[in-house]
């Protein structure tokens, strides 16, 4: 692990919480993929005080990378996700010309990093992966996701059919402008950073991800299924106030000023 001033082409930010069962495998997959390309890569793991040993396992993978850091986002508040805060910390500390954040489960295949490099080649400010929600989700989760996305498009992000895919890339300077204005710490942060980018006049390019796969949690299939439905419903209720907050801040022009 080095922290010199070498030029870095891309920073990959990975927020983690209790990912001890997958973080080593995911980092190894990233190292294998990026080891085949000529660009210089930085990887930042931002952990929310995981009690399961995620940080220790992640740090053991440092030898796989030339530029690697594990950053603490502080303790995770009870019953309140802070993924948005984790991503914000990583994006603002990134040193790459482009910065992408992705989920630790690698639900979006790493091959889509090629789209990020194409984004860089064309000097475009923002690129996001989008799923086909009618195919990637089923049952109650499909219904909830479809309605939520319709609601989000209606109020704050018309034309973006999927705001929640955990794979988004920004030019470094654009990331600084966008994430320095972010105030939502929970699940709604994806919507907020895209809304900020639009209000600041940045074009948002989208990449279709037909092979996105839903990685479930739980000890058996029944727990995985019920957990997925519950999480989708809970997330929908938790993000509703965020949508209202974002809309209010957009109308009032609050995002035009950097947060202090």
Protein backbone atom coordinates (compact mmCIF):
# COMPACT_ATOMS: atom_id res chain seq x y z
CA UNK A 1 0.00 0.00 0.00
CA UNK A 2 1.36 3.41 -0.97
CA UNK A 3 0.13 6.93 -0.49
CA UNK A 4 2.44 8.82 -2.86
CA UNK A 5 1.55 11.47 -5.41
CA UNK A 6 1.48 9.14 -8.41
CA UNK A 7 -1.21 10.00 -10.92
CA UNK A 8 -4.34 7.88 -10.45
CA UNK A 9 -6.80 7.29 -13.27
CA UNK A 10 -9.69 5.79 -11.32
CA UNK A 11 -10.73 5.51 -7.68
CA UNK A 12 -13.15 2.77 -6.66
CA UNK A 13 -15.10 3.53 -3.46
CA UNK A 14 -16.73 0.61 -1.63
CA UNK A 15 -18.99 1.26 1.40
CA UNK A 16 -19.11 -1.68 3.81
CA UNK A 17 -21.01 -2.84 6.86
CA UNK A 18 -20.78 -6.43 8.09
CA UNK A 19 -19.30 -7.73 4.83
CA UNK A 20 -16.84 -10.16 6.38
CA UNK A 21 -18.16 -13.09 4.32
CA UNK A 22 -17.61 -11.40 0.97
CA UNK A 23 -15.16 -8.47 1.20
CA UNK A 24 -12.01 -10.56 0.61
CA UNK A 25 -13.49 -12.29 -2.42
CA UNK A 26 -14.79 -8.99 -3.83
CA UNK A 27 -11.45 -7.20 -3.40
CA UNK A 28 -9.64 -10.15 -4.96
CA UNK A 29 -12.01 -9.99 -7.95
CA UNK A 30 -11.37 -6.25 -8.31
CA UNK A 31 -7.61 -6.79 -8.11
CA UNK A 32 -7.78 -9.52 -10.76
CA UNK A 33 -9.87 -7.36 -13.10
CA UNK A 34 -7.89 -4.15 -12.68
CA UNK A 35 -4.60 -6.03 -12.92
CA UNK A 36 -5.33 -6.63 -16.60
CA UNK A 37 -5.74 -2.96 -17.53
CA UNK A 38 -3.17 -0.21 -17.96
CA UNK A 39 -4.93 2.45 -15.88
CA UNK A 40 -3.71 3.22 -12.35
CA UNK A 41 -6.37 2.30 -9.80
CA UNK A 42 -7.03 3.36 -6.22
CA UNK A 43 -9.43 1.39 -3.99
CA UNK A 44 -11.03 2.93 -0.90
CA UNK A 45 -13.11 0.84 1.50
CA UNK A 46 -15.27 3.02 3.77
CA UNK A 47 -16.52 1.00 6.71
CA UNK A 48 -19.34 1.91 9.11
CA UNK A 49 -17.75 0.44 12.24
CA UNK A 50 -18.58 -3.17 11.32
CA UNK A 51 -18.49 -5.40 14.42
CA UNK A 52 -17.87 -8.58 12.39
CA UNK A 53 -14.25 -7.99 11.43
CA UNK A 54 -14.81 -6.56 7.94
CA UNK A 55 -12.03 -4.00 8.39
CA UNK A 56 -9.44 -6.57 9.45
CA UNK A 57 -10.21 -8.80 6.47
CA UNK A 58 -10.20 -5.84 4.08
CA UNK A 59 -6.84 -4.62 5.34
CA UNK A 60 -5.35 -8.04 4.66
CA UNK A 61 -6.09 -7.49 0.96
CA UNK A 62 -4.02 -4.28 0.81
CA UNK A 63 -1.09 -6.17 -0.74
CA UNK A 64 -3.20 -6.75 -3.85
CA UNK A 65 -3.23 -3.05 -4.71
CA UNK A 66 -0.73 -0.26 -5.27
CA UNK A 67 -3.15 2.32 -3.87
CA UNK A 68 -5.49 1.08 -1.15
CA UNK A 69 -7.10 2.59 1.94
CA UNK A 70 -9.63 1.57 4.57
CA UNK A 71 -11.44 4.55 6.07
CA UNK A 72 -13.80 4.60 9.03
CA UNK A 73 -17.14 6.35 8.62
CA UNK A 74 -17.79 6.12 12.35
CA UNK A 75 -20.38 4.00 14.16
CA UNK A 76 -23.57 2.99 12.41
CA UNK A 77 -26.60 4.63 14.10
CA UNK A 78 -29.28 2.13 15.21
CA UNK A 79 -31.97 1.47 12.61
CA UNK A 80 -30.57 4.09 10.25
CA UNK A 81 -28.44 3.35 7.21
CA UNK A 82 -25.48 5.64 6.63
CA UNK A 83 -24.37 4.35 3.25
CA UNK A 84 -24.75 7.86 1.85
CA UNK A 85 -22.32 9.23 4.41
CA UNK A 86 -19.84 6.45 3.68
CA UNK A 87 -19.95 7.11 -0.05
CA UNK A 88 -19.63 10.85 0.52
CA UNK A 89 -16.49 10.37 2.62
CA UNK A 90 -14.90 8.13 0.01
CA UNK A 91 -15.82 10.30 -2.96
CA UNK A 92 -14.43 13.44 -1.35
CA UNK A 93 -11.15 11.73 -0.43
CA UNK A 94 -10.65 10.04 -3.79
CA UNK A 95 -7.60 10.99 -5.85
CA UNK A 96 -8.50 9.46 -9.21
CA UNK A 97 -9.41 11.47 -12.32
CA UNK A 98 -12.71 9.57 -12.19
CA UNK A 99 -14.37 8.14 -9.12
CA UNK A 100 -16.86 5.28 -9.06
CA UNK A 101 -18.69 3.86 -6.07
CA UNK A 102 -19.94 0.29 -6.10
CA UNK A 103 -21.50 -2.16 -3.67
CA UNK A 104 -19.32 -4.72 -1.91
CA UNK A 105 -21.41 -7.58 -3.30
CA UNK A 106 -20.43 -6.66 -6.89
CA UNK A 107 -24.06 -7.01 -7.99
CA UNK A 108 -23.07 -4.90 -10.99
CA UNK A 109 -20.37 -6.90 -12.84
CA UNK A 110 -16.91 -5.36 -12.94
CA UNK A 111 -16.89 -5.37 -16.74
CA UNK A 112 -18.92 -2.15 -16.57
CA UNK A 113 -15.76 -0.36 -15.47
CA UNK A 114 -15.03 -0.30 -19.21
CA UNK A 115 -17.97 2.09 -19.56
CA UNK A 116 -16.37 4.33 -16.95
CA UNK A 117 -13.12 4.41 -18.94
CA UNK A 118 -15.13 5.28 -22.06
CA UNK A 119 -16.81 8.03 -20.03
CA UNK A 120 -13.34 9.34 -19.18
CA UNK A 121 -12.20 9.13 -22.79
CA UNK A 122 -15.15 11.29 -23.85
CA UNK A 123 -14.63 13.64 -20.88
CA UNK A 124 -18.21 13.22 -19.67
CA UNK A 125 -19.08 14.29 -16.12
CA UNK A 126 -21.41 11.59 -14.75
CA UNK A 127 -22.29 8.02 -15.69
CA UNK A 128 -24.59 5.59 -13.91
CA UNK A 129 -25.61 1.99 -14.41
CA UNK A 130 -29.34 1.34 -14.71
CA UNK A 131 -31.19 -1.93 -14.32
CA UNK A 132 -34.37 -3.17 -15.92
CA UNK A 133 -36.42 -3.14 -12.72
CA UNK A 134 -39.19 -5.19 -14.28
CA UNK A 135 -36.75 -8.06 -14.87
CA UNK A 136 -34.22 -7.70 -12.06
CA UNK A 137 -36.86 -7.65 -9.32
CA UNK A 138 -39.83 -9.94 -8.73
CA UNK A 139 -43.01 -10.03 -6.68
CA UNK A 140 -43.52 -7.36 -4.02
CA UNK A 141 -40.08 -5.89 -4.57
CA UNK A 142 -40.84 -5.41 -8.26
CA UNK A 143 -44.06 -3.58 -7.41
CA UNK A 144 -42.41 -1.38 -4.78
CA UNK A 145 -39.43 -0.54 -7.00
CA UNK A 146 -41.65 0.31 -9.96
CA UNK A 147 -43.88 2.63 -7.97
CA UNK A 148 -40.96 4.26 -6.14
CA UNK A 149 -39.12 4.97 -9.37
CA UNK A 150 -42.24 6.46 -10.96
CA UNK A 151 -42.62 8.72 -7.93
CA UNK A 152 -38.97 9.79 -8.02
CA UNK A 153 -39.11 10.55 -11.75
CA UNK A 154 -42.28 12.54 -11.28
CA UNK A 155 -40.88 14.74 -8.53
CA UNK A 156 -37.13 15.10 -8.94
CA UNK A 157 -35.42 13.06 -11.68
CA UNK A 158 -37.52 12.77 -14.85
CA UNK A 159 -36.03 10.46 -17.45
CA UNK A 160 -33.82 8.41 -15.12
CA UNK A 161 -35.51 5.05 -14.84
CA UNK A 162 -33.28 3.66 -12.09
CA UNK A 163 -31.66 5.88 -9.46
CA UNK A 164 -30.70 3.18 -6.96
CA UNK A 165 -28.24 0.94 -8.79
CA UNK A 166 -25.08 0.96 -6.67
CA UNK A 167 -22.66 1.83 -9.47
CA UNK A 168 -22.13 5.49 -10.29
CA UNK A 169 -19.12 7.34 -11.70
CA UNK A 170 -18.10 11.00 -11.59
CA UNK A 171 -15.25 13.12 -12.83
CA UNK A 172 -13.14 14.04 -9.80
CA UNK A 173 -13.97 17.75 -9.94
CA UNK A 174 -17.65 16.99 -10.49
CA UNK A 175 -17.62 14.58 -7.54
CA UNK A 176 -16.21 17.34 -5.33
CA UNK A 177 -18.94 19.74 -6.46
CA UNK A 178 -21.75 17.22 -6.03
CA UNK A 179 -20.80 15.36 -2.85
CA UNK A 180 -19.78 18.51 -0.98
CA UNK A 181 -23.44 19.54 -1.30
CA UNK A 182 -24.91 16.21 -0.19
CA UNK A 183 -26.94 16.22 3.04
CA UNK A 184 -28.82 12.88 2.89
CA UNK A 185 -26.94 10.13 4.76
CA UNK A 186 -29.37 7.25 4.21
CA UNK A 187 -30.76 5.30 1.28
CA UNK A 188 -31.99 8.42 -0.52
CA UNK A 189 -28.49 9.72 -1.17
CA UNK A 190 -28.40 8.17 -4.68
CA UNK A 191 -31.34 10.32 -5.72
CA UNK A 192 -29.87 13.38 -4.07
CA UNK A 193 -26.46 13.28 -5.75
CA UNK A 194 -28.09 12.83 -9.16
CA UNK A 195 -30.50 15.69 -8.47
CA UNK A 196 -27.58 17.88 -7.40
CA UNK A 197 -25.64 16.99 -10.54
CA UNK A 198 -28.58 17.98 -12.69
CA UNK A 199 -29.19 21.23 -10.85
CA UNK A 200 -25.53 22.12 -11.34
CA UNK A 201 -25.94 21.49 -15.07
CA UNK A 202 -24.01 18.23 -15.46
CA UNK A 203 -25.13 15.69 -18.05
CA UNK A 204 -25.90 12.21 -16.68
CA UNK A 205 -25.13 9.33 -19.03
CA UNK A 206 -26.63 5.89 -18.37
CA UNK A 207 -25.36 2.35 -19.02
CA UNK A 208 -27.80 -0.54 -19.27
CA UNK A 209 -26.96 -3.49 -17.00
CA UNK A 210 -29.04 -6.47 -18.17
CA UNK A 211 -26.87 -8.88 -16.17
CA UNK A 212 -27.16 -7.15 -12.81
CA UNK A 213 -27.83 -9.82 -10.18
CA UNK A 214 -29.58 -9.44 -6.84
CA UNK A 215 -27.29 -10.68 -4.06
CA UNK A 216 -29.43 -11.66 -1.09
CA UNK A 217 -28.55 -11.89 2.58
CA UNK A 218 -29.61 -14.54 5.07
CA UNK A 219 -28.80 -18.05 6.19
CA UNK A 220 -31.28 -19.87 3.99
CA UNK A 221 -33.41 -19.19 0.94
CA UNK A 222 -36.53 -18.45 2.93
CA UNK A 223 -34.75 -15.85 5.02
CA UNK A 224 -33.22 -14.34 1.90
CA UNK A 225 -36.59 -13.96 0.21
CA UNK A 226 -38.42 -12.50 3.20
CA UNK A 227 -35.47 -10.26 4.02
CA UNK A 228 -35.43 -8.88 0.50
CA UNK A 229 -39.14 -8.01 0.60
CA UNK A 230 -38.88 -6.43 4.02
CA UNK A 231 -35.81 -4.42 3.05
CA UNK A 232 -37.49 -3.12 -0.10
CA UNK A 233 -40.59 -2.02 1.80
CA UNK A 234 -38.56 -0.49 4.63
CA UNK A 235 -36.28 1.34 2.21
CA UNK A 236 -39.30 2.76 0.37
CA UNK A 237 -40.75 4.20 3.58
CA UNK A 238 -37.36 5.51 4.72
CA UNK A 239 -36.62 7.28 1.45
CA UNK A 240 -39.99 9.02 1.08
CA UNK A 241 -38.99 11.85 3.46
CA UNK A 242 -35.70 12.12 1.55
CA UNK A 243 -37.54 12.64 -1.74
CA UNK A 244 -39.57 15.45 -0.15
CA UNK A 245 -36.42 17.00 1.33
CA UNK A 246 -34.59 16.82 -2.00
CA UNK A 247 -37.52 18.37 -3.86
CA UNK A 248 -37.72 21.20 -1.33
CA UNK A 249 -33.99 21.88 -1.58
CA UNK A 250 -34.15 21.85 -5.38
CA UNK A 251 -37.01 24.34 -5.46
CA UNK A 252 -35.25 26.61 -2.96
CA UNK A 253 -31.95 26.38 -4.81
CA UNK A 254 -30.20 25.05 -1.70
CA UNK A 255 -27.87 22.83 -3.73
CA UNK A 256 -26.35 25.78 -5.54
CA UNK A 257 -24.30 26.50 -2.41
CA UNK A 258 -21.70 24.22 -0.89
CA UNK A 259 -22.75 22.84 2.51
CA UNK A 260 -20.85 24.12 5.54
